[in-house]
Amino acid sequence: MGDESAAGDICQDAMLKAMFNIHKYEDRGIPFGAWLYRIASNEVNLYFRKQKKMFYVEIQEKHVKDLMQEIEVGKIEKEEDQERLIEMLSVIKPEYAEIIDLRFFMQYSFKEIAEFYNITEANAKMRLYRILDKLKKEWGAK
């Protein structure tokens, strides 16, 4: 976030919403943390919509390599390849970037992603692999 005060406020708002809505939580075999993450994510999105700011995701090299392997573009041998992938991720739709973030950078399972979006696990897989196919095609086009 870059602003410790705003991050604290968002965290506080998310926890208050979770406390006030704990009665709505249903144990479906998905970690409780996924439910909390969804609330927190919604609060962050709300903050940035109100502020009309962009947000940044910290990307570790290992996760970029995993993503590169998944879209089958081979090994990352040059730093330019990593930068190119990061640039591609920065211009895709925010909802696509969020799915990539959940799967590759936050290491969520398909089951957790499905719970986050309130969809089936098969639908979560389908969405991710469609996004990966688009990235693969764009990679090959350049």
N, C-alpha and C. Protein backbone atom coordinates (compact mmCIF):
# COMPACT_ATOMS: atom_id res chain seq x y z
N MET A 1 0.82 -1.20 0.00
CA MET A 1 0.00 0.00 0.00
C MET A 1 0.86 1.25 0.00
N GLY A 2 1.98 1.19 0.65
CA GLY A 2 2.84 2.36 0.71
C GLY A 2 2.40 3.38 1.75
N ASP A 3 1.28 3.14 2.41
CA ASP A 3 0.77 4.06 3.43
C ASP A 3 0.33 3.22 4.62
N GLU A 4 1.17 3.21 5.65
CA GLU A 4 0.91 2.36 6.81
C GLU A 4 -0.41 2.71 7.50
N SER A 5 -0.74 3.98 7.55
CA SER A 5 -1.97 4.42 8.19
C SER A 5 -3.20 3.90 7.43
N ALA A 6 -3.17 4.03 6.10
CA ALA A 6 -4.29 3.54 5.29
C ALA A 6 -4.41 2.03 5.39
N ALA A 7 -3.27 1.34 5.39
CA ALA A 7 -3.29 -0.12 5.52
C ALA A 7 -3.92 -0.54 6.85
N GLY A 8 -3.58 0.18 7.92
CA GLY A 8 -4.17 -0.11 9.22
C GLY A 8 -5.68 0.12 9.23
N ASP A 9 -6.10 1.19 8.60
CA ASP A 9 -7.54 1.49 8.53
C ASP A 9 -8.28 0.42 7.74
N ILE A 10 -7.70 -0.01 6.63
CA ILE A 10 -8.33 -1.04 5.81
C ILE A 10 -8.41 -2.34 6.57
N CYS A 11 -7.33 -2.69 7.26
CA CYS A 11 -7.30 -3.92 8.05
C CYS A 11 -8.36 -3.87 9.15
N GLN A 12 -8.46 -2.73 9.81
CA GLN A 12 -9.46 -2.57 10.86
C GLN A 12 -10.87 -2.70 10.29
N ASP A 13 -11.14 -2.06 9.17
CA ASP A 13 -12.47 -2.14 8.55
C ASP A 13 -12.80 -3.58 8.15
N ALA A 14 -11.81 -4.28 7.61
CA ALA A 14 -12.03 -5.67 7.19
C ALA A 14 -12.34 -6.55 8.40
N MET A 15 -11.60 -6.37 9.48
CA MET A 15 -11.84 -7.20 10.67
C MET A 15 -13.18 -6.87 11.32
N LEU A 16 -13.56 -5.61 11.30
CA LEU A 16 -14.88 -5.25 11.84
C LEU A 16 -16.00 -5.89 11.01
N LYS A 17 -15.86 -5.84 9.69
CA LYS A 17 -16.86 -6.48 8.83
C LYS A 17 -16.91 -7.97 9.09
N ALA A 18 -15.75 -8.59 9.27
CA ALA A 18 -15.72 -10.03 9.55
C ALA A 18 -16.42 -10.33 10.88
N MET A 19 -16.13 -9.52 11.90
CA MET A 19 -16.77 -9.75 13.21
C MET A 19 -18.28 -9.58 13.14
N PHE A 20 -18.73 -8.54 12.46
CA PHE A 20 -20.16 -8.28 12.38
C PHE A 20 -20.90 -9.29 11.50
N ASN A 21 -20.15 -9.98 10.63
CA ASN A 21 -20.77 -10.93 9.70
C ASN A 21 -20.36 -12.37 9.95
N ILE A 22 -19.75 -12.64 11.09
CA ILE A 22 -19.29 -14.00 11.39
C ILE A 22 -20.45 -14.99 11.36
N HIS A 23 -21.64 -14.54 11.66
CA HIS A 23 -22.81 -15.42 11.64
C HIS A 23 -23.14 -15.89 10.22
N LYS A 24 -22.64 -15.19 9.21
CA LYS A 24 -22.88 -15.57 7.82
C LYS A 24 -21.87 -16.59 7.30
N TYR A 25 -20.79 -16.78 8.05
CA TYR A 25 -19.75 -17.71 7.60
C TYR A 25 -20.26 -19.14 7.70
N GLU A 26 -20.05 -19.91 6.63
CA GLU A 26 -20.41 -21.33 6.60
C GLU A 26 -19.15 -22.14 6.34
N ASP A 27 -18.93 -23.14 7.15
CA ASP A 27 -17.76 -24.01 6.95
C ASP A 27 -18.07 -24.97 5.81
N ARG A 28 -17.40 -24.76 4.68
CA ARG A 28 -17.58 -25.62 3.50
C ARG A 28 -16.31 -26.39 3.19
N GLY A 29 -15.45 -26.52 4.17
CA GLY A 29 -14.20 -27.22 3.97
C GLY A 29 -13.10 -26.33 3.41
N ILE A 30 -13.39 -25.06 3.26
CA ILE A 30 -12.41 -24.08 2.77
C ILE A 30 -11.84 -23.38 4.00
N PRO A 31 -10.55 -23.07 3.98
CA PRO A 31 -9.97 -22.39 5.14
C PRO A 31 -10.68 -21.09 5.49
N PHE A 32 -10.80 -20.84 6.77
CA PHE A 32 -11.41 -19.60 7.26
C PHE A 32 -10.67 -18.39 6.70
N GLY A 33 -9.37 -18.54 6.50
CA GLY A 33 -8.55 -17.46 5.96
C GLY A 33 -9.00 -17.00 4.58
N ALA A 34 -9.53 -17.92 3.77
CA ALA A 34 -10.01 -17.55 2.44
C ALA A 34 -11.20 -16.60 2.55
N TRP A 35 -12.06 -16.84 3.52
CA TRP A 35 -13.21 -15.97 3.76
C TRP A 35 -12.71 -14.59 4.20
N LEU A 36 -11.74 -14.57 5.12
CA LEU A 36 -11.18 -13.30 5.59
C LEU A 36 -10.47 -12.56 4.45
N TYR A 37 -9.75 -13.31 3.62
CA TYR A 37 -9.05 -12.70 2.50
C TYR A 37 -10.04 -12.02 1.56
N ARG A 38 -11.16 -12.66 1.33
CA ARG A 38 -12.17 -12.08 0.44
C ARG A 38 -12.70 -10.75 0.99
N ILE A 39 -12.95 -10.71 2.27
CA ILE A 39 -13.42 -9.48 2.90
C ILE A 39 -12.34 -8.40 2.79
N ALA A 40 -11.09 -8.76 3.11
CA ALA A 40 -9.99 -7.81 3.05
C ALA A 40 -9.78 -7.32 1.62
N SER A 41 -9.84 -8.22 0.67
CA SER A 41 -9.67 -7.85 -0.73
C SER A 41 -10.75 -6.86 -1.17
N ASN A 42 -11.97 -7.11 -0.76
CA ASN A 42 -13.06 -6.19 -1.09
C ASN A 42 -12.83 -4.81 -0.47
N GLU A 43 -12.30 -4.78 0.74
CA GLU A 43 -12.01 -3.50 1.39
C GLU A 43 -10.89 -2.75 0.67
N VAL A 44 -9.87 -3.47 0.24
CA VAL A 44 -8.77 -2.84 -0.51
C VAL A 44 -9.30 -2.27 -1.82
N ASN A 45 -10.10 -3.06 -2.52
CA ASN A 45 -10.68 -2.59 -3.79
C ASN A 45 -11.55 -1.36 -3.57
N LEU A 46 -12.32 -1.37 -2.52
CA LEU A 46 -13.18 -0.23 -2.20
C LEU A 46 -12.31 1.01 -1.92
N TYR A 47 -11.24 0.84 -1.18
CA TYR A 47 -10.33 1.96 -0.88
C TYR A 47 -9.78 2.56 -2.17
N PHE A 48 -9.28 1.71 -3.07
CA PHE A 48 -8.67 2.22 -4.29
C PHE A 48 -9.70 2.83 -5.24
N ARG A 49 -10.91 2.29 -5.23
CA ARG A 49 -11.96 2.92 -6.05
C ARG A 49 -12.25 4.32 -5.53
N LYS A 50 -12.31 4.45 -4.21
CA LYS A 50 -12.57 5.77 -3.62
C LYS A 50 -11.41 6.72 -3.87
N GLN A 51 -10.20 6.22 -3.81
CA GLN A 51 -9.01 7.05 -3.96
C GLN A 51 -8.58 7.20 -5.42
N LYS A 52 -9.14 6.34 -6.28
CA LYS A 52 -8.76 6.31 -7.70
C LYS A 52 -7.25 6.12 -7.86
N LYS A 53 -6.72 5.20 -7.05
CA LYS A 53 -5.30 4.89 -7.09
C LYS A 53 -5.10 3.49 -7.65
N MET A 54 -3.88 3.24 -8.07
CA MET A 54 -3.51 1.90 -8.52
C MET A 54 -2.83 1.19 -7.36
N PHE A 55 -2.90 -0.15 -7.37
CA PHE A 55 -2.18 -0.88 -6.35
C PHE A 55 -1.16 -1.79 -7.00
N TYR A 56 -0.18 -2.18 -6.22
CA TYR A 56 0.93 -2.96 -6.72
C TYR A 56 1.03 -4.26 -5.94
N VAL A 57 1.44 -5.30 -6.63
CA VAL A 57 1.62 -6.61 -6.02
C VAL A 57 3.11 -6.92 -6.03
N GLU A 58 3.62 -7.38 -4.89
CA GLU A 58 5.03 -7.76 -4.83
C GLU A 58 5.16 -9.14 -5.47
N ILE A 59 6.03 -9.23 -6.44
CA ILE A 59 6.21 -10.47 -7.19
C ILE A 59 7.61 -11.01 -6.93
N GLN A 60 7.67 -12.23 -6.46
CA GLN A 60 8.96 -12.86 -6.22
C GLN A 60 9.38 -13.62 -7.48
N GLU A 61 10.68 -13.69 -7.70
CA GLU A 61 11.22 -14.31 -8.91
C GLU A 61 10.74 -15.75 -9.07
N LYS A 62 10.68 -16.52 -7.97
CA LYS A 62 10.23 -17.91 -8.03
C LYS A 62 8.82 -18.00 -8.61
N HIS A 63 7.95 -17.09 -8.18
CA HIS A 63 6.57 -17.13 -8.64
C HIS A 63 6.47 -16.75 -10.12
N VAL A 64 7.30 -15.84 -10.56
CA VAL A 64 7.32 -15.48 -11.98
C VAL A 64 7.76 -16.69 -12.79
N LYS A 65 8.77 -17.39 -12.31
CA LYS A 65 9.25 -18.58 -13.01
C LYS A 65 8.16 -19.65 -13.08
N ASP A 66 7.41 -19.83 -11.98
CA ASP A 66 6.30 -20.79 -11.98
C ASP A 66 5.25 -20.40 -13.02
N LEU A 67 4.94 -19.14 -13.09
CA LEU A 67 3.96 -18.65 -14.06
C LEU A 67 4.46 -18.83 -15.48
N MET A 68 5.74 -18.51 -15.70
CA MET A 68 6.33 -18.69 -17.04
C MET A 68 6.26 -20.16 -17.46
N GLN A 69 6.55 -21.05 -16.52
CA GLN A 69 6.49 -22.47 -16.83
C GLN A 69 5.05 -22.89 -17.16
N GLU A 70 4.10 -22.33 -16.44
CA GLU A 70 2.69 -22.68 -16.66
C GLU A 70 2.20 -22.24 -18.04
N ILE A 71 2.67 -21.08 -18.51
CA ILE A 71 2.23 -20.65 -19.84
C ILE A 71 3.16 -21.19 -20.92
N GLU A 72 4.08 -22.05 -20.48
CA GLU A 72 4.92 -22.84 -21.39
C GLU A 72 5.74 -21.98 -22.34
N VAL A 73 6.36 -20.97 -21.81
CA VAL A 73 7.24 -20.16 -22.65
C VAL A 73 8.70 -20.48 -22.38
N GLY A 74 8.92 -21.52 -21.61
CA GLY A 74 10.30 -21.94 -21.35
C GLY A 74 10.87 -21.27 -20.12
N LYS A 75 12.14 -21.51 -19.95
CA LYS A 75 12.83 -20.95 -18.79
C LYS A 75 13.09 -19.46 -19.00
N ILE A 76 13.06 -18.77 -17.89
CA ILE A 76 13.42 -17.35 -17.94
C ILE A 76 14.94 -17.29 -17.86
N GLU A 77 15.53 -16.88 -18.93
CA GLU A 77 16.98 -16.81 -18.95
C GLU A 77 17.47 -15.39 -18.83
N LYS A 78 16.61 -14.45 -19.16
CA LYS A 78 17.02 -13.05 -19.12
C LYS A 78 16.06 -12.28 -18.23
N GLU A 79 16.60 -11.26 -17.62
CA GLU A 79 15.77 -10.40 -16.79
C GLU A 79 14.70 -9.71 -17.63
N GLU A 80 14.99 -9.49 -18.92
CA GLU A 80 14.02 -8.85 -19.81
C GLU A 80 12.76 -9.70 -19.95
N ASP A 81 12.92 -11.04 -19.90
CA ASP A 81 11.75 -11.92 -19.99
C ASP A 81 10.84 -11.73 -18.77
N GLN A 82 11.46 -11.63 -17.60
CA GLN A 82 10.68 -11.40 -16.39
C GLN A 82 9.96 -10.06 -16.48
N GLU A 83 10.68 -9.05 -16.91
CA GLU A 83 10.08 -7.72 -17.03
C GLU A 83 8.94 -7.71 -18.05
N ARG A 84 9.11 -8.45 -19.13
CA ARG A 84 8.07 -8.53 -20.15
C ARG A 84 6.80 -9.17 -19.58
N LEU A 85 6.97 -10.25 -18.82
CA LEU A 85 5.82 -10.91 -18.21
C LEU A 85 5.14 -9.97 -17.21
N ILE A 86 5.91 -9.30 -16.40
CA ILE A 86 5.34 -8.37 -15.43
C ILE A 86 4.58 -7.25 -16.15
N GLU A 87 5.12 -6.77 -17.25
CA GLU A 87 4.44 -5.74 -18.05
C GLU A 87 3.11 -6.28 -18.59
N MET A 88 3.13 -7.52 -19.07
CA MET A 88 1.89 -8.13 -19.58
C MET A 88 0.85 -8.22 -18.47
N LEU A 89 1.29 -8.57 -17.27
CA LEU A 89 0.36 -8.68 -16.14
C LEU A 89 -0.19 -7.32 -15.72
N SER A 90 0.59 -6.28 -15.93
CA SER A 90 0.16 -4.95 -15.49
C SER A 90 -0.93 -4.37 -16.37
N VAL A 91 -1.12 -4.92 -17.57
CA VAL A 91 -2.12 -4.34 -18.47
C VAL A 91 -3.35 -5.24 -18.67
N ILE A 92 -3.36 -6.42 -18.04
CA ILE A 92 -4.55 -7.26 -18.17
C ILE A 92 -5.65 -6.74 -17.24
N LYS A 93 -6.85 -7.20 -17.47
CA LYS A 93 -7.99 -6.78 -16.65
C LYS A 93 -7.70 -7.08 -15.18
N PRO A 94 -8.13 -6.19 -14.28
CA PRO A 94 -7.86 -6.40 -12.85
C PRO A 94 -8.38 -7.74 -12.32
N GLU A 95 -9.53 -8.18 -12.82
CA GLU A 95 -10.07 -9.46 -12.34
C GLU A 95 -9.19 -10.63 -12.79
N TYR A 96 -8.56 -10.51 -13.95
CA TYR A 96 -7.62 -11.54 -14.41
C TYR A 96 -6.36 -11.52 -13.56
N ALA A 97 -5.87 -10.32 -13.28
CA ALA A 97 -4.66 -10.19 -12.46
C ALA A 97 -4.89 -10.75 -11.06
N GLU A 98 -6.10 -10.56 -10.54
CA GLU A 98 -6.40 -11.06 -9.21
C GLU A 98 -6.35 -12.59 -9.17
N ILE A 99 -6.87 -13.24 -10.19
CA ILE A 99 -6.84 -14.70 -10.23
C ILE A 99 -5.39 -15.19 -10.33
N ILE A 100 -4.59 -14.54 -11.17
CA ILE A 100 -3.17 -14.88 -11.28
C ILE A 100 -2.48 -14.69 -9.93
N ASP A 101 -2.78 -13.59 -9.28
CA ASP A 101 -2.20 -13.29 -7.97
C ASP A 101 -2.57 -14.36 -6.95
N LEU A 102 -3.83 -14.72 -6.89
CA LEU A 102 -4.27 -15.73 -5.92
C LEU A 102 -3.59 -17.07 -6.15
N ARG A 103 -3.49 -17.48 -7.39
CA ARG A 103 -2.96 -18.81 -7.72
C ARG A 103 -1.44 -18.87 -7.64
N PHE A 104 -0.75 -17.93 -8.25
CA PHE A 104 0.69 -18.04 -8.38
C PHE A 104 1.47 -17.29 -7.31
N PHE A 105 0.98 -16.16 -6.87
CA PHE A 105 1.76 -15.35 -5.94
C PHE A 105 1.34 -15.57 -4.49
N MET A 106 0.07 -15.87 -4.27
CA MET A 106 -0.40 -16.16 -2.92
C MET A 106 -0.53 -17.67 -2.67
N GLN A 107 -0.33 -18.45 -3.73
CA GLN A 107 -0.32 -19.91 -3.64
C GLN A 107 -1.65 -20.50 -3.16
N TYR A 108 -2.77 -19.91 -3.59
CA TYR A 108 -4.09 -20.46 -3.25
C TYR A 108 -4.36 -21.69 -4.10
N SER A 109 -5.07 -22.63 -3.51
CA SER A 109 -5.51 -23.81 -4.27
C SER A 109 -6.73 -23.42 -5.10
N PHE A 110 -7.08 -24.28 -6.06
CA PHE A 110 -8.28 -24.00 -6.85
C PHE A 110 -9.52 -24.00 -5.96
N LYS A 111 -9.52 -24.84 -4.96
CA LYS A 111 -10.64 -24.89 -4.04
C LYS A 111 -10.80 -23.56 -3.29
N GLU A 112 -9.68 -22.97 -2.87
CA GLU A 112 -9.72 -21.69 -2.17
C GLU A 112 -10.14 -20.56 -3.11
N ILE A 113 -9.65 -20.61 -4.34
CA ILE A 113 -10.05 -19.59 -5.33
C ILE A 113 -11.54 -19.69 -5.61
N ALA A 114 -12.04 -20.91 -5.72
CA ALA A 114 -13.47 -21.11 -5.95
C ALA A 114 -14.30 -20.53 -4.81
N GLU A 115 -13.86 -20.73 -3.59
CA GLU A 115 -14.56 -20.18 -2.44
C GLU A 115 -14.51 -18.65 -2.46
N PHE A 116 -13.37 -18.12 -2.82
CA PHE A 116 -13.19 -16.67 -2.87
C PHE A 116 -14.20 -16.03 -3.82
N TYR A 117 -14.42 -16.65 -4.99
CA TYR A 117 -15.33 -16.11 -5.99
C TYR A 117 -16.75 -16.70 -5.90
N ASN A 118 -16.94 -17.63 -4.98
CA ASN A 118 -18.23 -18.30 -4.83
C ASN A 118 -18.64 -18.99 -6.14
N ILE A 119 -17.69 -19.76 -6.70
CA ILE A 119 -17.89 -20.52 -7.92
C ILE A 119 -17.43 -21.95 -7.67
N THR A 120 -17.62 -22.82 -8.65
CA THR A 120 -17.15 -24.19 -8.49
C THR A 120 -15.64 -24.25 -8.72
N GLU A 121 -15.04 -25.31 -8.22
CA GLU A 121 -13.61 -25.50 -8.41
C GLU A 121 -13.28 -25.65 -9.90
N ALA A 122 -14.14 -26.34 -10.64
CA ALA A 122 -13.93 -26.51 -12.08
C ALA A 122 -13.97 -25.16 -12.79
N ASN A 123 -14.87 -24.28 -12.36
CA ASN A 123 -14.97 -22.96 -12.97
C ASN A 123 -13.73 -22.12 -12.65
N ALA A 124 -13.19 -22.27 -11.45
CA ALA A 124 -11.96 -21.55 -11.08
C ALA A 124 -10.81 -22.00 -11.98
N LYS A 125 -10.70 -23.30 -12.21
CA LYS A 125 -9.65 -23.82 -13.09
C LYS A 125 -9.83 -23.29 -14.51
N MET A 126 -11.07 -23.33 -14.99
CA MET A 126 -11.35 -22.88 -16.35
C MET A 126 -10.97 -21.40 -16.52
N ARG A 127 -11.35 -20.57 -15.55
CA ARG A 127 -11.01 -19.14 -15.64
C ARG A 127 -9.50 -18.94 -15.68
N LEU A 128 -8.78 -19.63 -14.80
CA LEU A 128 -7.34 -19.46 -14.76
C LEU A 128 -6.69 -19.91 -16.07
N TYR A 129 -7.08 -21.07 -16.57
CA TYR A 129 -6.44 -21.56 -17.78
C TYR A 129 -6.81 -20.75 -19.02
N ARG A 130 -7.96 -20.13 -19.05
CA ARG A 130 -8.28 -19.21 -20.15
C ARG A 130 -7.38 -17.98 -20.10
N ILE A 131 -7.14 -17.48 -18.90
CA ILE A 131 -6.25 -16.33 -18.75
C ILE A 131 -4.83 -16.72 -19.18
N LEU A 132 -4.40 -17.90 -18.75
CA LEU A 132 -3.05 -18.36 -19.12
C LEU A 132 -2.93 -18.54 -20.63
N ASP A 133 -3.99 -19.03 -21.27
CA ASP A 133 -3.97 -19.17 -22.73
C ASP A 133 -3.82 -17.80 -23.41
N LYS A 134 -4.52 -16.79 -22.89
CA LYS A 134 -4.41 -15.44 -23.45
C LYS A 134 -2.98 -14.92 -23.30
N LEU A 135 -2.39 -15.15 -22.12
CA LEU A 135 -1.02 -14.71 -21.89
C LEU A 135 -0.05 -15.44 -22.83
N LYS A 136 -0.29 -16.72 -23.02
CA LYS A 136 0.57 -17.51 -23.89
C LYS A 136 0.50 -17.00 -25.33
N LYS A 137 -0.72 -16.71 -25.80
CA LYS A 137 -0.88 -16.18 -27.16
C LYS A 137 -0.21 -14.82 -27.30
N GLU A 138 -0.39 -13.97 -26.30
CA GLU A 138 0.22 -12.65 -26.36
C GLU A 138 1.73 -12.76 -26.33
N TRP A 139 2.26 -13.69 -25.56
CA TRP A 139 3.71 -13.90 -25.49
C TRP A 139 4.26 -14.28 -26.86
N GLY A 140 3.54 -15.18 -27.53
CA GLY A 140 3.98 -15.64 -28.85
C GLY A 140 3.82 -14.59 -29.93
N ALA A 141 2.92 -13.63 -29.72
CA ALA A 141 2.66 -12.60 -30.73
C ALA A 141 3.75 -11.54 -30.77
N LYS A 142 4.54 -11.45 -29.72
CA LYS A 142 5.57 -10.38 -29.68
C LYS A 142 6.93 -10.91 -29.98
